[in-house]
Amino acid sequence: MANPLMPKATAVWLIDNTALSFEQIADFCGLHPLEVQAIADGEVSSGIQGIDPLQNGQLARGEIEKAQEDSSYRMKILVSTLPAPKARSKGPKYVPVSKRGDKPDAIAWLVKHHPELKDAQVAKLVGTTKDTIDKVRDRTHWNSQNITARHPVLLGLCSQIDLDQAVTKAGGTVAPPEAQLESISEVP
């Protein structure tokens, strides 16, 4: 069972404003009954301001009334109707200075072995710009004479799962693991 947002502050409010037993409050708040008793005696909760679980939407008035009438009744926390928070994307990942020079090599490999990938997909996989991809493709990159096509997974710029998903999304076929190992071993 989920505990209330601030269990000790909720316990303080329940002790001050209801006739619930220490066991009922401890069960609802996820505390030990002796800790609830210490809060009631003022040994633990000095300075903790009580928080009303009714206003927070964590408890209904009917639950408190049922629990006050029946000492064996255990209150249940209300399920929130709010939508779950969305996980934030991590954003662009940091690439160490030593690996930044490997990006054109990875771009060259992706352009050579997976021409079906769009520039946006390559940019997302490697962490580069469309301008750099165009320059590597056209051989107008400032360092084009030193660019050798190398597998981006071996360079640590993307994961094999991300690469496979991008190729599948682009409509290409993902090579079986044996063929992937052969294409990786071709890399100088």
N, C-alpha and C. Protein backbone atom coordinates (compact mmCIF):
# COMPACT_ATOMS: atom_id res chain seq x y z
N MET A 1 0.84 -1.18 0.00
CA MET A 1 0.00 0.00 0.00
C MET A 1 0.88 1.24 0.00
N ALA A 2 0.48 2.26 -0.74
CA ALA A 2 1.24 3.50 -0.80
C ALA A 2 1.03 4.29 0.48
N ASN A 3 2.07 4.98 0.89
CA ASN A 3 2.01 5.83 2.08
C ASN A 3 1.63 7.24 1.68
N PRO A 4 1.10 8.03 2.60
CA PRO A 4 0.81 9.43 2.28
C PRO A 4 2.10 10.19 1.98
N LEU A 5 1.93 11.35 1.40
CA LEU A 5 3.07 12.13 0.94
C LEU A 5 4.04 12.47 2.07
N MET A 6 3.56 12.97 3.17
CA MET A 6 4.40 13.29 4.33
C MET A 6 3.83 12.54 5.53
N PRO A 7 4.32 11.33 5.79
CA PRO A 7 3.66 10.47 6.78
C PRO A 7 3.65 11.02 8.20
N LYS A 8 4.74 11.60 8.67
CA LYS A 8 4.75 12.10 10.06
C LYS A 8 3.83 13.30 10.22
N ALA A 9 3.84 14.20 9.23
CA ALA A 9 2.96 15.37 9.31
C ALA A 9 1.49 14.93 9.22
N THR A 10 1.21 13.91 8.42
CA THR A 10 -0.15 13.37 8.35
C THR A 10 -0.54 12.73 9.67
N ALA A 11 0.40 12.00 10.27
CA ALA A 11 0.13 11.37 11.57
C ALA A 11 -0.16 12.42 12.63
N VAL A 12 0.57 13.54 12.62
CA VAL A 12 0.33 14.62 13.57
C VAL A 12 -1.09 15.14 13.42
N TRP A 13 -1.53 15.36 12.20
CA TRP A 13 -2.88 15.87 11.96
C TRP A 13 -3.92 14.85 12.41
N LEU A 14 -3.72 13.57 12.08
CA LEU A 14 -4.69 12.54 12.47
C LEU A 14 -4.78 12.40 13.98
N ILE A 15 -3.66 12.52 14.67
CA ILE A 15 -3.67 12.43 16.14
C ILE A 15 -4.44 13.60 16.73
N ASP A 16 -4.20 14.81 16.19
CA ASP A 16 -4.82 16.02 16.75
C ASP A 16 -6.31 16.14 16.40
N ASN A 17 -6.74 15.61 15.28
CA ASN A 17 -8.09 15.89 14.79
C ASN A 17 -9.02 14.69 14.70
N THR A 18 -8.57 13.50 15.06
CA THR A 18 -9.44 12.33 14.99
C THR A 18 -9.32 11.51 16.26
N ALA A 19 -10.19 10.52 16.38
CA ALA A 19 -10.16 9.61 17.52
C ALA A 19 -9.69 8.22 17.07
N LEU A 20 -8.77 8.18 16.13
CA LEU A 20 -8.25 6.91 15.61
C LEU A 20 -7.24 6.31 16.58
N SER A 21 -7.10 5.00 16.54
CA SER A 21 -6.10 4.35 17.40
C SER A 21 -4.71 4.53 16.79
N PHE A 22 -3.69 4.34 17.62
CA PHE A 22 -2.31 4.47 17.15
C PHE A 22 -2.01 3.44 16.05
N GLU A 23 -2.60 2.26 16.17
CA GLU A 23 -2.37 1.21 15.17
C GLU A 23 -2.95 1.60 13.82
N GLN A 24 -4.16 2.22 13.84
CA GLN A 24 -4.78 2.64 12.58
C GLN A 24 -3.97 3.74 11.91
N ILE A 25 -3.53 4.70 12.70
CA ILE A 25 -2.72 5.80 12.15
C ILE A 25 -1.39 5.25 11.64
N ALA A 26 -0.78 4.36 12.41
CA ALA A 26 0.51 3.79 11.99
C ALA A 26 0.35 3.00 10.70
N ASP A 27 -0.73 2.24 10.58
CA ASP A 27 -0.96 1.46 9.37
C ASP A 27 -1.17 2.36 8.16
N PHE A 28 -1.95 3.43 8.34
CA PHE A 28 -2.20 4.34 7.22
C PHE A 28 -0.95 5.10 6.81
N CYS A 29 -0.18 5.56 7.79
CA CYS A 29 0.98 6.40 7.50
C CYS A 29 2.26 5.59 7.22
N GLY A 30 2.22 4.30 7.46
CA GLY A 30 3.41 3.49 7.23
C GLY A 30 4.45 3.68 8.32
N LEU A 31 4.00 3.94 9.52
CA LEU A 31 4.89 4.14 10.66
C LEU A 31 4.70 3.00 11.65
N HIS A 32 5.59 2.92 12.63
CA HIS A 32 5.44 1.94 13.71
C HIS A 32 4.49 2.52 14.76
N PRO A 33 3.66 1.67 15.39
CA PRO A 33 2.72 2.20 16.40
C PRO A 33 3.42 2.93 17.55
N LEU A 34 4.62 2.48 17.93
CA LEU A 34 5.35 3.19 18.99
C LEU A 34 5.80 4.58 18.55
N GLU A 35 6.10 4.70 17.27
CA GLU A 35 6.47 6.02 16.74
C GLU A 35 5.27 6.96 16.76
N VAL A 36 4.10 6.43 16.43
CA VAL A 36 2.88 7.24 16.49
C VAL A 36 2.58 7.64 17.93
N GLN A 37 2.82 6.73 18.87
CA GLN A 37 2.61 7.05 20.28
C GLN A 37 3.59 8.13 20.73
N ALA A 38 4.82 8.06 20.26
CA ALA A 38 5.81 9.08 20.61
C ALA A 38 5.42 10.44 20.02
N ILE A 39 4.84 10.42 18.81
CA ILE A 39 4.34 11.67 18.23
C ILE A 39 3.22 12.24 19.09
N ALA A 40 2.32 11.38 19.54
CA ALA A 40 1.20 11.82 20.38
C ALA A 40 1.69 12.37 21.71
N ASP A 41 2.76 11.79 22.26
CA ASP A 41 3.32 12.27 23.53
C ASP A 41 4.15 13.54 23.34
N GLY A 42 4.45 13.92 22.10
CA GLY A 42 5.24 15.12 21.85
C GLY A 42 6.73 14.90 21.91
N GLU A 43 7.15 13.64 21.95
CA GLU A 43 8.59 13.36 22.03
C GLU A 43 9.26 13.44 20.66
N VAL A 44 8.52 13.15 19.61
CA VAL A 44 9.11 13.08 18.28
C VAL A 44 8.71 14.25 17.41
N SER A 45 7.49 14.68 17.51
CA SER A 45 6.96 15.62 16.54
C SER A 45 7.10 17.09 16.94
N SER A 46 8.04 17.41 17.75
CA SER A 46 8.17 18.82 18.13
C SER A 46 8.58 19.62 16.90
N GLY A 47 7.73 20.53 16.52
CA GLY A 47 8.02 21.38 15.37
C GLY A 47 7.41 20.89 14.07
N ILE A 48 6.84 19.71 14.04
CA ILE A 48 6.20 19.23 12.82
C ILE A 48 4.77 19.72 12.79
N GLN A 49 4.45 20.42 11.71
CA GLN A 49 3.09 20.93 11.56
C GLN A 49 2.26 19.88 10.84
N GLY A 50 1.07 19.62 11.34
CA GLY A 50 0.21 18.60 10.76
C GLY A 50 -0.30 18.99 9.38
N ILE A 51 -0.44 18.00 8.52
CA ILE A 51 -0.97 18.22 7.17
C ILE A 51 -2.27 17.44 7.03
N ASP A 52 -3.30 18.11 6.57
CA ASP A 52 -4.63 17.53 6.44
C ASP A 52 -4.68 16.59 5.23
N PRO A 53 -4.84 15.28 5.43
CA PRO A 53 -4.91 14.37 4.28
C PRO A 53 -6.22 14.50 3.51
N LEU A 54 -7.22 15.15 4.10
CA LEU A 54 -8.47 15.38 3.39
C LEU A 54 -8.28 16.45 2.32
N GLN A 55 -7.58 17.52 2.66
CA GLN A 55 -7.33 18.59 1.69
C GLN A 55 -6.36 18.14 0.60
N ASN A 56 -5.43 17.26 0.95
CA ASN A 56 -4.46 16.77 -0.04
C ASN A 56 -5.09 15.78 -1.01
N GLY A 57 -6.28 15.30 -0.71
CA GLY A 57 -6.92 14.31 -1.56
C GLY A 57 -6.36 12.91 -1.36
N GLN A 58 -5.76 12.68 -0.19
CA GLN A 58 -5.18 11.37 0.09
C GLN A 58 -6.13 10.50 0.91
N LEU A 59 -7.15 11.11 1.49
CA LEU A 59 -8.05 10.38 2.36
C LEU A 59 -9.44 11.01 2.26
N ALA A 60 -10.47 10.18 2.35
CA ALA A 60 -11.85 10.68 2.31
C ALA A 60 -12.41 10.74 3.73
N ARG A 61 -13.33 11.65 3.93
CA ARG A 61 -13.96 11.82 5.25
C ARG A 61 -14.65 10.52 5.67
N GLY A 62 -15.25 9.82 4.73
CA GLY A 62 -15.93 8.56 5.03
C GLY A 62 -14.97 7.50 5.56
N GLU A 63 -13.74 7.49 5.08
CA GLU A 63 -12.74 6.53 5.57
C GLU A 63 -12.44 6.79 7.04
N ILE A 64 -12.31 8.04 7.41
CA ILE A 64 -12.02 8.39 8.81
C ILE A 64 -13.20 7.99 9.70
N GLU A 65 -14.42 8.26 9.23
CA GLU A 65 -15.60 7.91 10.02
C GLU A 65 -15.73 6.40 10.20
N LYS A 66 -15.48 5.63 9.13
CA LYS A 66 -15.52 4.17 9.24
C LYS A 66 -14.47 3.67 10.23
N ALA A 67 -13.28 4.25 10.17
CA ALA A 67 -12.19 3.82 11.05
C ALA A 67 -12.48 4.19 12.51
N GLN A 68 -13.14 5.32 12.74
CA GLN A 68 -13.46 5.70 14.12
C GLN A 68 -14.54 4.80 14.71
N GLU A 69 -15.46 4.31 13.88
CA GLU A 69 -16.52 3.43 14.36
C GLU A 69 -16.00 2.00 14.59
N ASP A 70 -15.10 1.54 13.71
CA ASP A 70 -14.60 0.16 13.79
C ASP A 70 -13.09 0.21 13.97
N SER A 71 -12.60 -0.18 15.14
CA SER A 71 -11.17 -0.08 15.42
C SER A 71 -10.33 -1.10 14.63
N SER A 72 -10.96 -2.09 14.03
CA SER A 72 -10.21 -3.05 13.22
C SER A 72 -10.13 -2.63 11.76
N TYR A 73 -10.87 -1.58 11.38
CA TYR A 73 -10.87 -1.11 9.99
C TYR A 73 -9.57 -0.40 9.68
N ARG A 74 -8.99 -0.70 8.54
CA ARG A 74 -7.74 -0.07 8.09
C ARG A 74 -8.07 0.88 6.94
N MET A 75 -7.72 2.14 7.09
CA MET A 75 -8.01 3.14 6.07
C MET A 75 -7.15 2.90 4.83
N LYS A 76 -7.72 3.28 3.70
CA LYS A 76 -7.02 3.13 2.43
C LYS A 76 -6.80 4.50 1.82
N ILE A 77 -5.61 4.70 1.29
CA ILE A 77 -5.28 5.97 0.65
C ILE A 77 -6.02 6.05 -0.68
N LEU A 78 -6.50 7.23 -1.03
CA LEU A 78 -7.22 7.42 -2.28
C LEU A 78 -6.23 7.40 -3.45
N VAL A 79 -6.69 6.85 -4.54
CA VAL A 79 -5.88 6.81 -5.76
C VAL A 79 -6.03 8.15 -6.46
N SER A 80 -4.92 8.74 -6.84
CA SER A 80 -4.93 10.05 -7.48
C SER A 80 -5.50 9.95 -8.89
N THR A 81 -6.31 10.93 -9.25
CA THR A 81 -6.87 10.98 -10.60
C THR A 81 -6.01 11.82 -11.53
N LEU A 82 -4.93 12.37 -11.00
CA LEU A 82 -4.03 13.18 -11.82
C LEU A 82 -3.24 12.29 -12.76
N PRO A 83 -2.91 12.78 -13.94
CA PRO A 83 -2.11 11.96 -14.84
C PRO A 83 -0.70 11.78 -14.27
N ALA A 84 -0.11 10.65 -14.57
CA ALA A 84 1.25 10.37 -14.09
C ALA A 84 2.22 11.32 -14.76
N PRO A 85 3.23 11.79 -14.03
CA PRO A 85 4.19 12.70 -14.66
C PRO A 85 4.97 11.99 -15.75
N LYS A 86 5.26 12.72 -16.81
CA LYS A 86 6.01 12.15 -17.92
C LYS A 86 7.50 12.19 -17.60
N ALA A 87 8.17 11.15 -18.01
CA ALA A 87 9.61 11.10 -17.80
C ALA A 87 10.27 12.06 -18.79
N ARG A 88 11.18 12.85 -18.28
CA ARG A 88 11.87 13.80 -19.15
C ARG A 88 12.98 13.10 -19.91
N SER A 89 13.16 13.56 -21.11
CA SER A 89 14.27 12.99 -21.87
C SER A 89 15.58 13.52 -21.30
N LYS A 90 16.58 12.74 -21.45
CA LYS A 90 17.86 13.11 -20.87
C LYS A 90 18.51 14.26 -21.64
N GLY A 91 18.05 14.50 -22.83
CA GLY A 91 18.65 15.55 -23.64
C GLY A 91 19.92 15.05 -24.29
N PRO A 92 20.62 15.95 -24.92
CA PRO A 92 21.83 15.50 -25.60
C PRO A 92 22.86 15.01 -24.59
N LYS A 93 23.47 13.88 -24.92
CA LYS A 93 24.46 13.36 -23.99
C LYS A 93 25.82 13.98 -24.28
N TYR A 94 26.61 14.06 -23.26
CA TYR A 94 27.93 14.65 -23.38
C TYR A 94 28.87 13.67 -24.06
N VAL A 95 29.60 14.17 -25.04
CA VAL A 95 30.60 13.36 -25.72
C VAL A 95 31.96 13.93 -25.37
N PRO A 96 32.86 13.10 -24.82
CA PRO A 96 34.17 13.60 -24.44
C PRO A 96 34.94 14.13 -25.66
N VAL A 97 35.87 15.02 -25.40
CA VAL A 97 36.66 15.63 -26.46
C VAL A 97 37.37 14.56 -27.29
N SER A 98 37.82 13.51 -26.64
CA SER A 98 38.56 12.47 -27.36
C SER A 98 37.70 11.71 -28.36
N LYS A 99 36.38 11.71 -28.16
CA LYS A 99 35.49 10.99 -29.08
C LYS A 99 34.84 11.90 -30.11
N ARG A 100 34.98 13.19 -29.98
CA ARG A 100 34.34 14.11 -30.92
C ARG A 100 34.91 13.97 -32.32
N GLY A 101 36.16 13.62 -32.41
CA GLY A 101 36.77 13.42 -33.72
C GLY A 101 36.29 12.15 -34.40
N ASP A 102 35.64 11.26 -33.66
CA ASP A 102 35.14 10.01 -34.21
C ASP A 102 33.78 10.17 -34.87
N LYS A 103 33.10 11.27 -34.64
CA LYS A 103 31.76 11.46 -35.19
C LYS A 103 31.75 11.43 -36.72
N PRO A 104 32.65 12.11 -37.41
CA PRO A 104 32.64 12.01 -38.87
C PRO A 104 32.87 10.58 -39.37
N ASP A 105 33.69 9.80 -38.66
CA ASP A 105 33.91 8.41 -39.04
C ASP A 105 32.61 7.61 -38.92
N ALA A 106 31.86 7.84 -37.84
CA ALA A 106 30.59 7.14 -37.65
C ALA A 106 29.58 7.58 -38.69
N ILE A 107 29.57 8.86 -39.02
CA ILE A 107 28.65 9.36 -40.05
C ILE A 107 28.96 8.69 -41.38
N ALA A 108 30.24 8.59 -41.71
CA ALA A 108 30.64 7.96 -42.97
C ALA A 108 30.19 6.50 -43.01
N TRP A 109 30.31 5.79 -41.89
CA TRP A 109 29.88 4.39 -41.86
C TRP A 109 28.38 4.27 -42.05
N LEU A 110 27.62 5.14 -41.36
CA LEU A 110 26.17 5.09 -41.47
C LEU A 110 25.70 5.44 -42.88
N VAL A 111 26.32 6.43 -43.49
CA VAL A 111 25.94 6.83 -44.85
C VAL A 111 26.28 5.71 -45.84
N LYS A 112 27.37 5.03 -45.62
CA LYS A 112 27.81 3.96 -46.52
C LYS A 112 26.97 2.70 -46.36
N HIS A 113 26.74 2.27 -45.12
CA HIS A 113 26.08 0.99 -44.88
C HIS A 113 24.56 1.09 -44.74
N HIS A 114 24.07 2.25 -44.40
CA HIS A 114 22.61 2.43 -44.24
C HIS A 114 22.17 3.72 -44.92
N PRO A 115 22.17 3.74 -46.25
CA PRO A 115 21.76 4.97 -46.95
C PRO A 115 20.27 5.29 -46.77
N GLU A 116 19.49 4.32 -46.29
CA GLU A 116 18.06 4.58 -46.08
C GLU A 116 17.79 5.47 -44.87
N LEU A 117 18.77 5.64 -44.01
CA LEU A 117 18.59 6.49 -42.84
C LEU A 117 18.49 7.95 -43.26
N LYS A 118 17.56 8.66 -42.65
CA LYS A 118 17.41 10.09 -42.92
C LYS A 118 18.48 10.84 -42.14
N ASP A 119 18.76 12.05 -42.57
CA ASP A 119 19.77 12.85 -41.89
C ASP A 119 19.41 13.09 -40.43
N ALA A 120 18.13 13.26 -40.13
CA ALA A 120 17.71 13.50 -38.75
C ALA A 120 18.00 12.27 -37.88
N GLN A 121 17.83 11.07 -38.44
CA GLN A 121 18.10 9.85 -37.68
C GLN A 121 19.60 9.70 -37.43
N VAL A 122 20.40 9.99 -38.44
CA VAL A 122 21.86 9.91 -38.27
C VAL A 122 22.31 10.94 -37.24
N ALA A 123 21.76 12.14 -37.32
CA ALA A 123 22.12 13.19 -36.37
C ALA A 123 21.77 12.79 -34.95
N LYS A 124 20.63 12.13 -34.77
CA LYS A 124 20.23 11.70 -33.44
C LYS A 124 21.10 10.57 -32.93
N LEU A 125 21.43 9.62 -33.80
CA LEU A 125 22.27 8.49 -33.39
C LEU A 125 23.66 8.93 -32.97
N VAL A 126 24.27 9.76 -33.78
CA VAL A 126 25.67 10.14 -33.55
C VAL A 126 25.79 11.37 -32.67
N GLY A 127 24.77 12.21 -32.68
CA GLY A 127 24.82 13.44 -31.89
C GLY A 127 25.55 14.53 -32.64
N THR A 128 25.12 14.79 -33.85
CA THR A 128 25.78 15.78 -34.70
C THR A 128 24.73 16.62 -35.40
N THR A 129 25.16 17.45 -36.33
CA THR A 129 24.25 18.31 -37.06
C THR A 129 24.08 17.83 -38.50
N LYS A 130 23.00 18.28 -39.13
CA LYS A 130 22.74 17.90 -40.52
C LYS A 130 23.81 18.49 -41.44
N ASP A 131 24.32 19.65 -41.08
CA ASP A 131 25.36 20.27 -41.87
C ASP A 131 26.62 19.40 -41.92
N THR A 132 27.00 18.85 -40.79
CA THR A 132 28.17 17.97 -40.74
C THR A 132 27.92 16.71 -41.56
N ILE A 133 26.71 16.17 -41.50
CA ILE A 133 26.38 14.98 -42.29
C ILE A 133 26.51 15.29 -43.78
N ASP A 134 25.99 16.44 -44.21
CA ASP A 134 26.09 16.81 -45.62
C ASP A 134 27.54 16.97 -46.04
N LYS A 135 28.35 17.56 -45.19
CA LYS A 135 29.77 17.75 -45.53
C LYS A 135 30.51 16.44 -45.62
N VAL A 136 30.20 15.48 -44.74
CA VAL A 136 30.85 14.17 -44.80
C VAL A 136 30.39 13.43 -46.06
N ARG A 137 29.10 13.53 -46.36
CA ARG A 137 28.56 12.86 -47.55
C ARG A 137 29.16 13.44 -48.83
N ASP A 138 29.34 14.76 -48.90
CA ASP A 138 29.86 15.42 -50.09
C ASP A 138 31.38 15.46 -50.13
N ARG A 139 32.02 14.96 -49.09
CA ARG A 139 33.49 14.98 -48.95
C ARG A 139 34.02 16.41 -48.95
N THR A 140 33.26 17.34 -48.36
CA THR A 140 33.73 18.73 -48.23
C THR A 140 34.05 19.06 -46.78
N HIS A 141 34.06 18.04 -45.93
CA HIS A 141 34.40 18.23 -44.52
C HIS A 141 35.85 18.67 -44.44
N TRP A 142 36.19 19.50 -43.48
CA TRP A 142 37.55 20.05 -43.38
C TRP A 142 38.58 18.94 -43.18
N ASN A 143 38.17 17.80 -42.64
CA ASN A 143 39.10 16.72 -42.36
C ASN A 143 38.75 15.49 -43.20
N SER A 144 38.22 15.69 -44.40
CA SER A 144 37.71 14.57 -45.18
C SER A 144 38.79 13.58 -45.61
N GLN A 145 40.03 14.02 -45.77
CA GLN A 145 41.08 13.08 -46.18
C GLN A 145 41.41 12.08 -45.08
N ASN A 146 41.09 12.38 -43.82
CA ASN A 146 41.39 11.48 -42.71
C ASN A 146 40.17 10.70 -42.20
N ILE A 147 39.02 10.87 -42.83
CA ILE A 147 37.80 10.19 -42.39
C ILE A 147 37.80 8.77 -42.93
N THR A 148 37.65 7.81 -42.03
CA THR A 148 37.48 6.41 -42.41
C THR A 148 36.18 5.92 -41.79
N ALA A 149 35.42 5.17 -42.56
CA ALA A 149 34.13 4.69 -42.08
C ALA A 149 34.35 3.68 -40.95
N ARG A 150 33.86 4.03 -39.76
CA ARG A 150 33.97 3.12 -38.61
C ARG A 150 32.61 2.99 -37.94
N HIS A 151 32.35 1.81 -37.42
CA HIS A 151 31.05 1.48 -36.83
C HIS A 151 30.79 2.38 -35.60
N PRO A 152 29.62 3.05 -35.55
CA PRO A 152 29.34 3.96 -34.43
C PRO A 152 29.18 3.26 -33.09
N VAL A 153 28.79 1.98 -33.11
CA VAL A 153 28.65 1.24 -31.85
C VAL A 153 30.02 0.98 -31.24
N LEU A 154 30.98 0.61 -32.10
CA LEU A 154 32.34 0.38 -31.61
C LEU A 154 32.99 1.66 -31.11
N LEU A 155 32.59 2.77 -31.70
CA LEU A 155 33.13 4.06 -31.25
C LEU A 155 32.46 4.54 -29.97
N GLY A 156 31.35 3.91 -29.59
CA GLY A 156 30.65 4.29 -28.36
C GLY A 156 29.75 5.49 -28.52
N LEU A 157 29.35 5.80 -29.75
CA LEU A 157 28.51 6.97 -29.97
C LEU A 157 27.02 6.64 -29.93
N CYS A 158 26.68 5.36 -30.09
CA CYS A 158 25.29 4.93 -29.97
C CYS A 158 25.28 3.46 -29.58
N SER A 159 24.12 2.96 -29.21
CA SER A 159 24.01 1.54 -28.86
C SER A 159 23.50 0.77 -30.07
N GLN A 160 23.74 -0.52 -30.07
CA GLN A 160 23.29 -1.37 -31.18
C GLN A 160 21.77 -1.40 -31.25
N ILE A 161 21.12 -1.35 -30.11
CA ILE A 161 19.65 -1.36 -30.08
C ILE A 161 19.11 -0.10 -30.75
N ASP A 162 19.70 1.06 -30.43
CA ASP A 162 19.26 2.31 -31.05
C ASP A 162 19.48 2.29 -32.55
N LEU A 163 20.61 1.75 -32.98
CA LEU A 163 20.92 1.67 -34.40
C LEU A 163 19.92 0.76 -35.11
N ASP A 164 19.64 -0.40 -34.53
CA ASP A 164 18.68 -1.33 -35.13
C ASP A 164 17.29 -0.71 -35.22
N GLN A 165 16.88 0.01 -34.18
CA GLN A 165 15.56 0.65 -34.19
C GLN A 165 15.49 1.72 -35.27
N ALA A 166 16.55 2.49 -35.44
CA ALA A 166 16.56 3.54 -36.45
C ALA A 166 16.50 2.93 -37.86
N VAL A 167 17.25 1.84 -38.07
CA VAL A 167 17.25 1.19 -39.39
C VAL A 167 15.88 0.60 -39.68
N THR A 168 15.27 -0.04 -38.69
CA THR A 168 13.94 -0.62 -38.88
C THR A 168 12.91 0.47 -39.16
N LYS A 169 13.00 1.58 -38.45
CA LYS A 169 12.07 2.69 -38.65
C LYS A 169 12.23 3.30 -40.04
N ALA A 170 13.47 3.32 -40.54
CA ALA A 170 13.73 3.89 -41.85
C ALA A 170 13.28 2.97 -42.97
N GLY A 171 12.92 1.74 -42.63
CA GLY A 171 12.44 0.82 -43.66
C GLY A 171 13.51 -0.12 -44.16
N GLY A 172 14.66 -0.08 -43.55
CA GLY A 172 15.73 -0.99 -43.95
C GLY A 172 15.61 -2.30 -43.21
N THR A 173 16.46 -3.21 -43.56
CA THR A 173 16.47 -4.50 -42.88
C THR A 173 17.67 -4.54 -41.96
N VAL A 174 17.43 -5.04 -40.78
CA VAL A 174 18.50 -5.17 -39.81
C VAL A 174 19.17 -6.50 -40.07
N ALA A 175 20.48 -6.48 -40.20
CA ALA A 175 21.23 -7.71 -40.45
C ALA A 175 21.19 -8.58 -39.21
N PRO A 176 21.22 -9.92 -39.39
CA PRO A 176 21.28 -10.79 -38.21
C PRO A 176 22.58 -10.56 -37.45
N PRO A 177 22.62 -10.94 -36.17
CA PRO A 177 23.81 -10.66 -35.35
C PRO A 177 25.11 -11.16 -35.96
N GLU A 178 25.08 -12.30 -36.68
CA GLU A 178 26.32 -12.81 -37.27
C GLU A 178 26.84 -11.86 -38.34
N ALA A 179 25.92 -11.34 -39.16
CA ALA A 179 26.33 -10.41 -40.22
C ALA A 179 26.80 -9.08 -39.63
N GLN A 180 26.19 -8.68 -38.50
CA GLN A 180 26.63 -7.45 -37.87
C GLN A 180 28.06 -7.60 -37.37
N LEU A 181 28.38 -8.76 -36.82
CA LEU A 181 29.74 -8.99 -36.35
C LEU A 181 30.73 -8.98 -37.51
N GLU A 182 30.31 -9.53 -38.68
CA GLU A 182 31.20 -9.50 -39.83
C GLU A 182 31.43 -8.08 -40.31
N SER A 183 30.34 -7.25 -40.33
CA SER A 183 30.53 -5.87 -40.80
C SER A 183 31.35 -5.06 -39.80
N ILE A 184 31.28 -5.42 -38.53
CA ILE A 184 32.09 -4.73 -37.53
C ILE A 184 33.55 -5.13 -37.68
N SER A 185 33.79 -6.39 -37.99
CA SER A 185 35.17 -6.84 -38.13
C SER A 185 35.83 -6.28 -39.37
N GLU A 186 35.04 -5.79 -40.34
CA GLU A 186 35.60 -5.14 -41.54
C GLU A 186 36.22 -3.79 -41.22
N VAL A 187 35.83 -3.21 -40.11
CA VAL A 187 36.29 -1.87 -39.76
C VAL A 187 37.79 -1.92 -39.50
N PRO A 188 38.57 -0.99 -40.12
CA PRO A 188 40.03 -1.01 -39.90
C PRO A 188 40.42 -0.62 -38.52
